[in-house]
Protein backbone atom coordinates (compact mmCIF):
# COMPACT_ATOMS: atom_id res chain seq x y z
CA MET A 1 1.01 -37.83 5.24
CA TYR A 2 -2.89 -37.71 5.20
CA THR A 3 -3.50 -34.74 3.89
CA LYS A 4 -4.24 -34.85 0.07
CA ASN A 5 -5.04 -31.36 -0.67
CA ILE A 6 -3.63 -28.21 1.04
CA LEU A 7 -4.65 -24.33 0.45
CA TYR A 8 -1.77 -21.87 1.27
CA ILE A 9 -2.94 -18.09 1.17
CA ASN A 10 -0.44 -15.06 1.83
CA THR A 11 -0.64 -11.21 0.41
CA HIS A 12 1.65 -11.94 -2.93
CA ALA A 13 2.36 -15.00 -4.79
CA SER A 14 5.85 -14.43 -5.32
CA ALA A 15 7.29 -10.63 -3.78
CA GLY A 16 9.01 -11.13 -0.49
CA GLY A 17 9.99 -13.43 2.04
CA ALA A 18 6.82 -14.94 3.04
CA ALA A 19 5.80 -15.67 -0.19
CA ALA A 20 9.07 -17.16 -1.17
CA VAL A 21 8.69 -19.60 2.03
CA MET A 22 5.02 -20.68 1.21
CA GLN A 23 6.32 -20.97 -2.98
CA ARG A 24 8.72 -23.69 -1.66
CA LEU A 25 6.38 -25.33 0.82
CA ALA A 26 3.86 -25.30 -1.83
CA ASP A 27 6.39 -27.16 -4.08
CA MET A 28 8.35 -29.80 -1.88
CA VAL A 29 4.67 -31.04 -0.75
CA ARG A 30 3.20 -31.11 -4.76
CA ARG A 31 6.78 -33.88 -4.71
CA GLN A 32 5.27 -35.98 -2.68
CA GLY A 33 1.91 -35.66 -4.62
CA ILE A 34 -0.04 -34.08 -2.60
CA THR A 35 -2.27 -31.24 -4.32
CA SER A 36 -1.41 -28.37 -3.63
CA ALA A 37 -3.14 -24.42 -4.10
CA ILE A 38 -2.42 -20.63 -3.29
CA LEU A 39 -4.49 -17.55 -3.13
CA THR A 40 -3.00 -14.04 -2.30
CA GLY A 41 -4.31 -10.50 -2.04
CA THR A 42 -1.99 -9.19 -5.03
CA PRO A 43 -2.09 -12.64 -8.01
CA ALA A 44 0.78 -13.00 -9.90
CA PHE A 45 0.23 -12.75 -13.84
CA GLY A 46 -2.37 -14.95 -15.06
CA GLN A 47 -3.36 -16.20 -11.51
CA ALA A 48 -6.59 -16.15 -10.72
CA PRO A 49 -7.25 -13.20 -8.60
CA ASP A 50 -9.70 -15.00 -5.79
CA LEU A 51 -8.89 -12.81 -2.96
CA LYS A 52 -8.03 -9.75 -4.41
CA ALA A 53 -9.73 -6.79 -2.36
CA ALA A 54 -11.59 -4.05 -4.08
CA LYS A 55 -9.50 -1.25 -2.45
CA TYR A 56 -11.41 1.88 -4.56
CA THR A 57 -14.64 2.02 -2.92
CA GLY A 58 -16.16 4.53 -0.41
CA LEU A 59 -16.66 1.49 1.76
CA HIS A 60 -12.86 0.91 1.93
CA ALA A 61 -11.83 4.49 1.93
CA TRP A 62 -14.23 4.49 5.22
CA THR A 63 -12.72 2.41 7.36
CA THR A 64 -8.83 3.18 6.66
CA TRP A 65 -9.95 6.71 7.58
CA ARG A 66 -11.47 5.69 10.56
CA GLY A 67 -8.24 3.27 11.62
CA GLN A 68 -9.90 -0.11 11.23
CA GLN A 69 -8.00 -1.92 9.65
CA ASP A 70 -8.33 -4.04 6.75
CA TYR A 71 -12.34 -4.14 8.01
CA GLY A 72 -13.38 -2.89 4.39
CA PHE A 73 -12.65 -5.86 2.58
CA PRO A 74 -15.68 -8.39 3.00
CA LYS A 75 -14.30 -10.97 0.08
CA SER A 76 -12.85 -13.28 2.68
CA HIS A 77 -15.82 -13.72 4.25
CA ALA A 78 -17.00 -15.77 0.99
CA LEU A 79 -13.73 -17.83 1.45
CA ILE A 80 -15.82 -20.75 2.47
CA ARG A 81 -17.69 -20.79 -0.90
CA SER A 82 -14.92 -21.00 -3.02
CA PRO A 83 -14.02 -24.63 -5.13
CA LEU A 84 -10.29 -24.58 -3.85
CA PHE A 85 -11.08 -23.96 -0.01
CA GLN A 86 -13.74 -26.10 -0.04
CA GLN A 87 -11.59 -29.11 -1.66
CA ALA A 88 -8.91 -28.29 0.54
CA ASP A 89 -7.73 -30.75 3.38
CA ILE A 90 -5.83 -28.37 5.04
CA ILE A 91 -5.71 -24.27 5.09
CA HIS A 92 -2.18 -22.67 5.74
CA LEU A 93 -1.92 -18.98 6.05
CA HIS A 94 0.68 -16.83 6.05
CA ASN A 95 0.67 -12.81 6.01
CA LEU A 96 -3.20 -12.37 6.39
CA HIS A 97 -2.30 -8.09 6.52
CA GLY A 98 -1.64 -6.10 3.48
CA GLY A 99 -5.02 -5.04 2.65
CA TYR A 100 -7.01 -7.99 1.22
CA PHE A 101 -7.99 -10.10 4.77
CA ASN A 102 -10.43 -9.27 6.96
CA LEU A 103 -9.37 -11.42 10.37
CA TRP A 104 -13.60 -11.63 11.41
CA SER A 105 -13.16 -14.43 8.59
CA LEU A 106 -10.62 -16.34 10.45
CA PRO A 107 -12.96 -18.16 13.58
CA LEU A 108 -15.20 -19.96 10.97
CA LEU A 109 -12.21 -20.71 8.28
CA SER A 110 -10.46 -22.50 11.20
CA ALA A 111 -13.82 -23.92 12.58
CA LEU A 112 -14.39 -25.94 8.96
CA LYS A 113 -10.84 -26.38 8.16
CA PRO A 114 -7.56 -27.35 10.30
CA THR A 115 -5.92 -24.04 9.97
CA VAL A 116 -2.33 -23.83 9.90
CA TRP A 117 -0.62 -20.25 9.97
CA THR A 118 3.08 -18.98 9.68
CA LEU A 119 3.75 -16.14 11.36
CA HIS A 120 6.56 -13.81 9.13
CA ASP A 121 6.20 -11.11 11.62
CA MET A 122 4.78 -9.50 14.32
CA GLN A 123 1.41 -8.34 13.40
CA ALA A 124 -0.52 -11.28 14.33
CA LEU A 125 0.86 -9.73 18.31
CA THR A 126 0.27 -6.23 17.83
CA GLY A 127 -2.67 -3.68 17.74
CA HIS A 128 -1.16 -3.05 13.82
CA CYS A 129 2.79 -2.86 13.49
CA ALA A 130 4.69 -5.75 11.51
CA HIS A 131 7.46 -5.02 13.69
CA SER A 132 7.05 -2.84 17.17
CA LEU A 133 10.99 -2.88 17.36
CA ASP A 134 11.91 -1.59 20.83
CA CYS A 135 8.07 -0.74 21.94
CA LYS A 136 6.12 -3.40 24.29
CA ARG A 137 2.54 -2.05 24.06
CA TRP A 138 1.75 -5.12 22.59
CA LEU A 139 1.95 -7.49 25.36
CA PRO A 140 -1.10 -8.09 27.44
CA GLU A 141 -0.52 -5.92 30.31
CA THR A 142 -1.41 -2.97 28.31
CA GLY A 143 -2.68 -4.08 25.29
CA CYS A 144 -1.75 -1.25 22.81
CA GLY A 145 -2.86 2.05 22.72
CA SER A 146 -1.00 5.44 22.67
CA CYS A 147 0.57 3.91 19.92
CA PRO A 148 4.18 5.66 19.16
CA SER A 149 4.02 4.54 15.58
CA LEU A 150 0.77 4.88 13.51
CA SER A 151 3.15 5.36 10.39
CA ALA A 152 4.96 2.15 10.62
CA TYR A 153 3.18 -0.79 7.97
CA PRO A 154 0.91 -1.27 7.76
CA ARG A 155 -0.23 2.43 8.33
CA LEU A 156 -2.92 3.63 10.77
CA TRP A 157 -4.81 7.10 10.15
CA ARG A 158 -5.67 7.45 13.79
CA ASP A 159 -4.77 5.73 16.78
CA THR A 160 -7.22 2.20 17.07
CA THR A 161 -4.86 0.26 18.33
CA ARG A 162 -6.35 -0.90 21.73
CA GLN A 163 -9.38 -1.59 20.01
CA LEU A 164 -7.81 -3.56 17.33
CA TRP A 165 -6.07 -5.44 19.85
CA GLN A 166 -8.96 -6.48 21.58
CA ASP A 167 -11.00 -7.34 18.51
CA LYS A 168 -7.89 -9.93 17.40
CA ARG A 169 -8.14 -11.13 20.90
CA THR A 170 -11.29 -12.07 20.47
CA ILE A 171 -11.22 -12.97 17.01
CA TYR A 172 -8.39 -15.71 18.52
CA ALA A 173 -10.28 -16.93 21.50
CA HIS A 174 -12.76 -18.23 19.06
CA SER A 175 -10.50 -19.54 16.26
CA SER A 176 -8.65 -23.13 16.40
CA LEU A 177 -5.07 -22.46 14.91
CA TYR A 178 -1.69 -24.24 14.82
CA LEU A 179 0.84 -21.62 14.99
CA VAL A 180 4.31 -21.85 13.59
CA THR A 181 7.18 -19.30 13.47
CA PRO A 182 10.19 -19.72 11.30
CA SER A 183 12.69 -18.16 15.21
CA VAL A 184 12.73 -19.46 18.03
CA TRP A 185 12.80 -15.15 18.74
CA LEU A 186 9.27 -14.63 17.28
CA GLN A 187 8.35 -18.14 19.37
CA ARG A 188 9.21 -16.49 22.12
CA LEU A 189 7.34 -13.31 21.62
CA THR A 190 4.17 -15.07 20.65
CA GLU A 191 4.37 -16.84 23.92
CA LYS A 192 3.79 -14.16 25.51
CA SER A 193 1.09 -12.35 23.61
CA LEU A 194 -2.91 -12.55 22.89
CA LEU A 195 -1.74 -16.02 20.92
CA ARG A 196 -0.38 -17.87 23.92
CA GLU A 197 -2.90 -20.41 23.90
CA GLN A 198 -3.02 -21.38 20.42
CA PRO A 199 -0.49 -24.36 19.32
CA LEU A 200 2.67 -23.28 18.70
CA VAL A 201 6.01 -24.52 17.09
CA CYS A 202 9.58 -23.29 15.47
CA ILE A 203 9.97 -24.29 12.34
CA PRO A 204 13.28 -22.15 10.55
CA ASN A 205 12.72 -21.24 6.62
CA GLY A 206 14.50 -23.58 4.40
CA ALA A 207 16.54 -22.55 0.82
CA ASP A 208 16.94 -24.91 -2.08
CA THR A 209 20.23 -25.66 -2.09
CA SER A 210 20.55 -27.56 -5.82
CA ILE A 211 20.10 -23.38 -6.24
CA TYR A 212 21.60 -21.77 -3.43
CA HIS A 213 25.37 -23.42 -2.97
CA PRO A 214 29.01 -22.24 -3.67
CA GLN A 215 30.29 -21.23 -6.90
CA ASP A 216 33.33 -20.15 -8.12
CA ARG A 217 33.31 -16.76 -7.24
CA GLN A 218 35.61 -15.40 -10.10
CA GLU A 219 33.30 -17.07 -13.06
CA ALA A 220 30.60 -15.29 -10.98
CA ARG A 221 31.75 -12.14 -11.19
CA ARG A 222 32.94 -12.89 -14.88
CA LEU A 223 28.63 -13.87 -16.20
CA LEU A 224 28.02 -11.09 -14.02
CA GLY A 225 29.94 -8.63 -15.32
CA LEU A 226 31.60 -7.60 -12.46
CA PRO A 227 35.59 -6.38 -11.41
CA GLN A 228 37.31 -9.56 -10.96
CA ASP A 229 40.06 -7.79 -8.29
CA ALA A 230 37.45 -5.43 -6.45
CA LEU A 231 36.54 -5.71 -2.37
CA LEU A 232 32.92 -6.64 -3.26
CA ILE A 233 30.47 -6.21 -0.73
CA GLY A 234 26.44 -6.54 -1.08
CA GLY A 235 23.38 -5.21 0.39
CA CYS A 236 19.75 -7.25 -0.34
CA ALA A 237 16.51 -6.20 0.54
CA ASP A 238 13.16 -5.00 -0.90
CA GLY A 239 14.20 -1.44 -2.25
CA GLY A 240 17.58 -1.91 -1.54
CA LEU A 241 19.47 0.87 1.03
CA ALA A 242 15.90 2.49 0.90
CA ASN A 243 14.29 -0.12 3.31
CA PRO A 244 14.31 1.63 6.81
CA TRP A 245 13.39 -2.13 7.79
CA LYS A 246 16.77 -3.43 6.62
CA GLY A 247 18.38 -0.35 7.63
CA GLY A 248 19.62 1.20 4.60
CA ARG A 249 20.35 3.99 6.79
CA TYR A 250 23.45 2.42 8.45
CA ALA A 251 24.57 0.16 5.57
CA LEU A 252 24.88 3.55 3.32
CA GLU A 253 26.71 5.14 6.45
CA THR A 254 28.93 2.03 6.36
CA ILE A 255 29.75 1.68 2.94
CA LEU A 256 30.52 5.31 2.83
CA GLU A 257 32.97 4.77 5.86
CA LEU A 258 34.11 1.62 3.80
CA LYS A 259 35.07 3.20 0.26
CA LYS A 260 37.67 5.73 2.33
CA GLN A 261 39.70 2.60 4.21
CA PHE A 262 39.42 0.39 1.06
CA SER A 263 39.95 2.25 -2.40
CA HIS A 264 39.22 -0.65 -4.45
CA LEU A 265 35.90 -1.35 -2.82
CA TYR A 266 32.53 -2.11 -5.10
CA PHE A 267 29.04 -2.02 -3.96
CA LEU A 268 26.12 -3.85 -5.12
CA ASN A 269 22.62 -2.37 -3.88
CA ILE A 270 19.93 -5.27 -4.86
CA GLY A 271 16.69 -5.05 -4.60
CA VAL A 272 16.82 -1.65 -5.34
CA LYS A 273 13.69 0.29 -6.38
CA THR A 274 15.46 4.57 -6.09
CA ALA A 275 19.31 4.79 -5.72
CA PRO A 276 20.43 6.61 -2.63
CA GLU A 277 21.41 10.71 -3.86
CA SER A 278 24.56 10.18 -2.33
CA LEU A 279 25.59 7.61 -4.51
CA GLN A 280 24.27 8.54 -7.41
CA GLY A 281 26.45 8.62 -10.48
CA ALA A 282 29.16 6.58 -8.38
CA ASP A 283 31.18 4.30 -11.01
CA TRP A 284 31.79 2.22 -7.51
CA VAL A 285 28.06 1.07 -7.02
CA GLN A 286 26.08 -0.87 -8.83
CA HIS A 287 21.74 -0.79 -8.32
CA ILE A 288 20.67 -3.72 -9.42
CA PRO A 289 16.74 -4.25 -9.48
CA TYR A 290 14.38 -6.83 -6.98
CA VAL A 291 15.81 -10.15 -8.80
CA HIS A 292 13.27 -12.48 -9.41
CA ASP A 293 15.06 -15.49 -10.59
CA PRO A 294 16.52 -17.71 -8.00
CA ALA A 295 19.84 -18.56 -10.18
CA GLN A 296 21.46 -15.02 -10.63
CA LEU A 297 20.80 -14.11 -6.81
CA ALA A 298 22.38 -16.89 -5.85
CA ARG A 299 25.20 -16.10 -8.34
CA LEU A 300 25.17 -12.37 -6.84
CA TYR A 301 25.32 -13.92 -3.59
CA ALA A 302 28.65 -16.00 -4.53
CA ALA A 303 30.33 -13.57 -6.18
CA LEU A 304 30.17 -11.45 -2.95
CA ASP A 305 33.06 -11.25 -0.68
CA LEU A 306 30.66 -10.18 2.22
CA LEU A 307 27.34 -9.61 2.60
CA LEU A 308 26.06 -6.44 4.70
CA TYR A 309 23.12 -6.80 6.94
CA PRO A 310 22.66 -4.03 9.49
CA THR A 311 18.62 -5.06 9.59
CA LEU A 312 16.43 -3.11 12.55
CA ALA A 313 13.43 -5.56 12.15
CA ASP A 314 14.03 -9.13 11.04
CA ASN A 315 12.00 -12.79 11.70
CA HIS A 316 13.97 -15.26 9.75
CA PRO A 317 15.39 -13.62 6.66
CA LEU A 318 15.95 -15.89 3.68
CA VAL A 319 18.77 -13.46 2.39
CA CYS A 320 21.27 -14.00 5.56
CA ILE A 321 20.12 -18.48 4.96
CA GLU A 322 20.70 -17.89 0.92
CA SER A 323 24.30 -15.71 1.11
CA LEU A 324 25.48 -18.38 3.80
CA CYS A 325 24.24 -21.26 1.72
CA CYS A 326 26.54 -19.77 -1.26
CA GLY A 327 29.26 -19.41 1.27
CA THR A 328 29.47 -15.81 1.42
CA PRO A 329 30.06 -14.39 4.94
CA ILE A 330 27.78 -11.87 6.77
CA VAL A 331 28.54 -8.77 8.62
CA GLY A 332 25.47 -7.45 10.67
CA PHE A 333 23.08 -6.42 13.46
CA ALA A 334 21.95 -9.32 16.09
CA THR A 335 18.66 -8.57 15.37
CA GLY A 336 14.93 -11.11 15.54
CA GLY A 337 15.98 -13.86 14.50
CA VAL A 338 19.39 -13.39 12.60
CA PRO A 339 21.68 -14.58 15.42
CA GLU A 340 19.57 -18.18 15.27
CA ILE A 341 20.92 -18.02 11.58
CA VAL A 342 24.36 -16.41 11.24
CA ARG A 343 26.89 -17.81 14.03
CA ASP A 344 28.87 -15.10 15.18
CA GLY A 345 32.62 -15.52 14.89
CA LEU A 346 31.76 -18.47 12.80
CA ASP A 347 29.98 -17.58 9.30
CA GLY A 348 30.05 -13.88 10.16
CA LEU A 349 30.20 -11.26 12.40
CA LEU A 350 27.36 -9.62 14.42
CA VAL A 351 27.21 -6.38 16.58
CA PRO A 352 24.88 -4.84 18.55
CA THR A 353 21.48 -3.23 16.70
CA HIS A 354 22.15 0.30 16.29
CA ASP A 355 26.25 0.65 16.80
CA ARG A 356 27.35 1.72 13.80
CA ALA A 357 31.10 2.16 14.97
CA ALA A 358 30.98 -1.92 15.66
CA LEU A 359 29.17 -2.22 11.95
CA THR A 360 32.17 -0.74 10.41
CA ASN A 361 34.53 -2.44 12.42
CA ALA A 362 33.04 -5.65 12.27
CA ALA A 363 32.87 -5.11 8.08
CA VAL A 364 36.92 -3.75 8.25
CA THR A 365 37.91 -7.04 9.86
CA LEU A 366 36.91 -9.49 7.23
CA LEU A 367 37.44 -7.39 4.68
CA GLN A 368 41.87 -6.72 5.81
CA ASP A 369 41.50 -10.84 6.18
CA THR A 370 40.92 -12.74 2.92
CA ALA A 371 41.86 -16.33 4.83
CA LEU A 372 39.09 -15.26 8.05
CA ARG A 373 36.69 -14.18 5.30
CA ARG A 374 37.75 -17.87 2.98
CA LYS A 375 37.20 -19.89 6.44
CA MET A 376 33.89 -18.48 7.71
CA GLY A 377 32.50 -18.53 3.65
CA LYS A 378 33.23 -22.68 3.85
CA GLU A 379 32.39 -23.09 7.17
CA ALA A 380 28.72 -21.36 6.33
CA ALA A 381 28.17 -23.22 3.48
CA ILE A 382 28.76 -27.00 5.25
CA SER A 383 26.69 -25.80 8.20
CA ALA A 384 23.63 -23.56 6.41
CA SER A 385 22.95 -26.49 4.16
CA GLN A 386 22.74 -28.66 6.69
CA ARG A 387 20.88 -26.97 8.88
CA PHE A 388 18.05 -24.95 6.29
CA ASN A 389 17.74 -27.58 3.65
CA LEU A 390 14.11 -27.80 2.11
CA ASP A 391 13.96 -31.82 2.89
CA LEU A 392 14.23 -31.36 6.61
CA PHE A 393 12.30 -28.05 6.24
CA ALA A 394 9.67 -30.16 4.26
CA GLN A 395 9.54 -33.05 7.16
CA ARG A 396 8.90 -30.39 9.93
CA TYR A 397 5.91 -28.99 7.97
CA GLU A 398 4.68 -32.45 7.73
CA LYS A 399 4.52 -33.30 11.34
CA VAL A 400 2.71 -30.38 11.98
CA TYR A 401 0.33 -31.31 9.08
CA GLU A 402 -0.79 -34.58 10.94
CA GLU A 403 -0.54 -32.69 14.26
CA ALA A 404 -3.32 -29.90 12.95
CA LEU A 405 -5.55 -32.09 11.14
CA ARG A 406 -6.11 -34.17 14.85
CA MET A 407 -6.60 -30.64 16.74
CA PRO A 408 -10.41 -30.14 17.74
CA ARG A 409 -12.21 -27.78 16.17
CA SER A 410 -16.25 -26.91 16.15
CA VAL A 411 -17.84 -24.56 14.49
CA GLU A 412 -19.53 -24.01 18.24
CA LYS A 413 -16.37 -22.39 19.24
CA SER A 414 -16.28 -19.84 16.43
CA ARG A 415 -19.59 -18.24 17.17
CA LEU A 416 -18.68 -14.41 17.88
CA PRO A 417 -20.42 -12.53 20.83
CA LEU A 418 -21.31 -10.12 17.93
CA ASP A 419 -21.94 -7.35 20.76
CA LYS A 420 -18.03 -7.00 20.51
CA VAL A 421 -18.03 -7.23 17.27
CA PRO A 422 -17.65 -3.63 15.32
CA ASN A 423 -20.75 -2.44 13.42
CA ILE A 424 -18.77 -1.66 10.30
CA VAL A 425 -17.38 -5.26 10.39
CA LYS A 426 -21.02 -6.52 9.86
CA SER A 427 -21.47 -6.22 5.79
CA SER A 428 -23.83 -8.77 4.61
CA ALA A 429 -21.19 -11.14 3.69
CA PHE A 430 -20.14 -11.01 7.48
CA MET A 431 -23.30 -11.90 8.76
CA ARG A 432 -24.10 -15.09 6.85
CA GLN A 433 -20.82 -16.57 8.06
CA GLU A 434 -22.78 -16.09 11.13
CA TRP A 435 -25.91 -17.12 10.12
CA ALA A 436 -24.15 -20.09 9.13
CA LYS A 437 -22.82 -20.74 12.53
CA TYR A 438 -26.49 -21.40 13.94
CA PRO A 439 -28.01 -24.02 11.16
CA HIS A 440 -31.18 -25.24 14.42
CA SER A 441 -31.44 -21.52 15.74
CA SER A 442 -33.53 -20.95 18.24
CA SER A 443 -36.01 -17.95 17.98
CA PRO A 444 -34.02 -15.68 20.60
CA GLN A 445 -30.87 -16.38 18.38
CA GLN A 446 -32.72 -15.55 14.94
CA LYS A 447 -33.89 -12.13 16.75
CA GLU A 448 -30.08 -11.50 17.86
CA LEU A 449 -28.84 -12.22 14.56
CA LEU A 450 -31.22 -10.05 12.54
CA SER A 451 -30.93 -7.05 14.70
CA HIS A 452 -26.88 -7.57 14.28
CA ALA A 453 -27.88 -7.66 10.41
CA ILE A 454 -29.71 -4.58 10.33
CA ALA A 455 -27.22 -2.17 12.73
CA GLY A 456 -24.16 -3.32 10.50
CA SER A 457 -26.13 -2.66 7.35
CA ILE A 458 -27.15 0.88 8.42
CA CYS A 459 -23.67 1.03 9.41
CA THR A 460 -22.19 -0.11 6.38
CA THR A 461 -24.00 2.05 3.75
CA ILE A 462 -23.08 4.98 5.96
CA GLY A 463 -19.67 4.25 5.65
CA THR A 464 -19.86 3.22 1.71
CA LEU A 465 -21.17 6.36 1.42
CA ALA A 466 -19.36 8.79 3.96
CA GLY A 467 -16.29 7.35 2.24
CA TRP A 468 -16.61 8.26 -1.21
CA PRO A 469 -15.86 11.58 -0.85
CA LEU A 470 -12.71 10.82 1.22
CA LEU A 471 -11.83 8.97 -2.33
CA VAL A 472 -12.48 11.62 -4.65
CA ALA A 473 -10.34 13.61 -2.22
CA ALA A 474 -7.58 10.88 -2.19
CA LEU A 475 -7.64 10.36 -5.93
CA PHE A 476 -7.54 14.25 -6.42
CA ARG A 477 -4.58 14.90 -3.83
CA ALA A 478 -2.19 12.00 -5.78
CA LEU A 479 -3.07 13.80 -8.86
CA TYR A 480 -2.06 16.94 -7.77
CA CYS A 481 1.24 15.63 -6.10
CA ARG A 482 2.34 13.15 -9.28
CA TYR A 483 1.53 16.94 -11.13
CA ARG A 484 4.09 18.64 -9.14
CA ASN A 485 6.30 15.90 -9.28
CA HIS A 486 6.59 16.03 -12.98
């Protein structure tokens, strides 16, 4: 590889699948002697908060209320002056949503440095949501608008989805990106989307098979203090059964039904923040908070008889990869990229999304047949370690980095049609980056830039002033809700 320095950017440093993928890749390239650095919007303890956004500002409150998603965060516009950016040979983006990155920074960043962007969900393709579920309005024929799910993450307070979709189209047309999707499922969607003109490749996620590998089930249970003779089922998601994206409602209904048929069933609710009311006090359920230690998580997988994963929205979930590497078969929904990981009938059993009865029947089938579970577990561990090991994962990304270095890019392409940029975006930080694109500007260009700078200054000043009452109101509302809850 010709590169010597890679800068990774993501919402979080450690929480969530995107962060885990980023960290694993950063570790792998370091082993090859390549310097890597990480910038996040929510830094881990001890990390410099280079992209941490100031969320308690009048401008942020105003843009949030007006449905201008993340347009109140100007800090990413100054990224070009960061030493980490300047030293990097390649910029590798992961999740850019999450309240820290202004997408209007993308054209100049991708003009100055080769830029790889791994898509971990659909948010880059839609007007706002991370997963569109059954909605197809994000396709170019419609271009969003009349959004049926404004409350879906990341939430919008009013329907500006068509404008935001059109803004993304403008941004991408002036950006030079090399896209990666972890699943063929998301690759196919991206090929139909407003990103379809950008180079695109599919690279499946990977797991560290020196950590995630089969272990003696009884020994794992002994170390974890779990019942030796129980039928042990696990569910693993950020938030546990309370996570709506991961089908917590379906998992809960299935577990309660299975308990009626298998009296010695024991359930591990992994990743829990708040236990479901119907399971509070149940002596056959153990609620386990988010597990940060990979070795401990691998031991939990290894202790299970099966993993229940009825996800409603997913790309290429690490939970499934890690479980299979540990030799634990999976019962779940055939959602998104899950069938690319779990081979139905070989590594586990998959059923159509939302089919409660089929989900329960599939779990019953495996719980009743010990020999089948063991056969699937053995097959899963062998196949997953071959398909999803980190060496293969890193080799594929190494090729992407080499191709990204050869991609054509130019500052001229990054010049935005400023009449299509919302005035609320034209902060002083944004306009500084636009001025930088015209090192030898003509008099008409200077006048145009100046007029947009003035319009932006007026708009952002008014927005900041108007946003402070909204911020104060939100603070009092939060205090009142906390008072009522206590």
